[in-house]
Each structure stands twice: as structure tokens, then as C-alpha cells.
């Protein structure tokens, strides 16, 4: 990995963390509404949901092939 690749990986990491954060909020909110609890009370479900989404997102990012332009 060269220095020119660093911004790409930093951006990918930031997007993964943002996705996990939004998944935590979404999972806790939906579970809270469905279970008639507060969002804070459903936070463990939100964290579980975010963990699943985080690892799915990570596997998608790691399984992509490098772009090779057609000549």
C-alpha cells in the first residue's frame, strides 16, 4: 500500500464506522418501537444489529476486485 492509497482506505473506514453508527441508531429505534421500550432500552439490540451490518459491510469492501481499465 502506497501513500496515495491512504485517503481511499481512510474514507472507506470512515464510511464503515458511519454505517455502523447509523445501524445502531436504526436498530435501537425500530426495536424500541416494536418492543415498546425506549431507544436507550433497546440499545443492546441496536449494537448487535450494527455489529452484523459492520461485518457485512467490511466483507463487501474486502471482496471487491481492483479496478483495471480496459485498453
Protein backbone atom coordinates (compact mmCIF):
# COMPACT_ATOMS: atom_id res chain seq x y z
CA UNK A 1 0.00 0.00 0.00
CA UNK A 2 1.46 3.29 -1.09
CA UNK A 3 0.91 6.75 0.35
CA UNK A 4 -1.54 7.52 -2.46
CA UNK A 5 -3.84 4.73 -1.20
CA UNK A 6 -4.14 6.08 2.33
CA UNK A 7 -7.00 8.56 1.65
CA UNK A 8 -9.02 5.82 -0.03
CA UNK A 9 -8.70 3.49 2.96
CA UNK A 10 -9.38 6.28 5.46
CA UNK A 11 -12.55 7.16 3.56
CA UNK A 12 -13.64 3.51 3.41
CA UNK A 13 -13.04 3.13 7.16
CA UNK A 14 -14.94 6.31 7.96
CA UNK A 15 -17.88 5.17 5.83
CA UNK A 16 -17.89 1.78 7.58
CA UNK A 17 -17.99 3.45 11.01
CA UNK A 18 -20.72 5.85 9.88
CA UNK A 19 -22.75 2.92 8.57
CA UNK A 20 -22.32 1.08 11.88
CA UNK A 21 -23.37 4.19 13.81
CA UNK A 22 -26.48 4.66 11.72
CA UNK A 23 -27.28 0.95 12.04
CA UNK A 24 -27.02 1.23 15.83
CA UNK A 25 -29.49 4.09 15.88
CA UNK A 26 -31.86 2.48 13.37
CA UNK A 27 -31.76 -0.94 15.05
CA UNK A 28 -32.35 0.50 18.53
CA UNK A 29 -35.17 2.76 17.33
CA UNK A 30 -37.02 0.01 15.46
CA UNK A 31 -36.53 -2.49 18.31
CA UNK A 32 -37.68 0.13 20.80
CA UNK A 33 -40.88 0.77 18.83
CA UNK A 34 -41.52 -2.93 18.29
CA UNK A 35 -40.86 -3.94 21.89
CA UNK A 36 -42.48 -0.80 23.40
CA UNK A 37 -39.25 0.26 25.09
CA UNK A 38 -37.19 3.39 24.92
CA UNK A 39 -34.47 3.65 22.30
CA UNK A 40 -31.93 3.56 25.11
CA UNK A 41 -33.51 0.38 26.49
CA UNK A 42 -33.24 -1.28 23.08
CA UNK A 43 -29.61 -0.22 22.61
CA UNK A 44 -28.20 -3.76 23.06
CA UNK A 45 -30.25 -4.90 20.06
CA UNK A 46 -29.06 -1.85 18.13
CA UNK A 47 -25.44 -2.70 18.90
CA UNK A 48 -25.96 -6.30 17.82
CA UNK A 49 -27.57 -5.12 14.58
CA UNK A 50 -24.73 -2.66 13.99
CA UNK A 51 -22.14 -5.41 14.50
CA UNK A 52 -23.83 -7.56 11.87
CA UNK A 53 -24.05 -4.64 9.44
CA UNK A 54 -20.43 -3.64 10.15
CA UNK A 55 -19.07 -7.10 9.31
CA UNK A 56 -21.28 -7.42 6.22
CA UNK A 57 -20.06 -4.02 5.02
CA UNK A 58 -16.47 -4.99 5.75
CA UNK A 59 -16.77 -8.25 3.82
CA UNK A 60 -18.21 -6.42 0.83
CA UNK A 61 -15.38 -3.88 0.84
CA UNK A 62 -12.71 -6.59 1.16
CA UNK A 63 -14.11 -8.80 -1.58
CA UNK A 64 -14.03 -6.23 -4.38
CA UNK A 65 -11.53 -6.71 -7.16
CA UNK A 66 -9.18 -3.87 -8.04
CA UNK A 67 -10.24 -1.76 -10.99
CA UNK A 68 -8.32 -2.46 -14.17
CA UNK A 69 -9.02 -0.14 -17.08
CA UNK A 70 -9.68 -1.76 -20.45
CA UNK A 71 -7.10 -0.78 -23.03
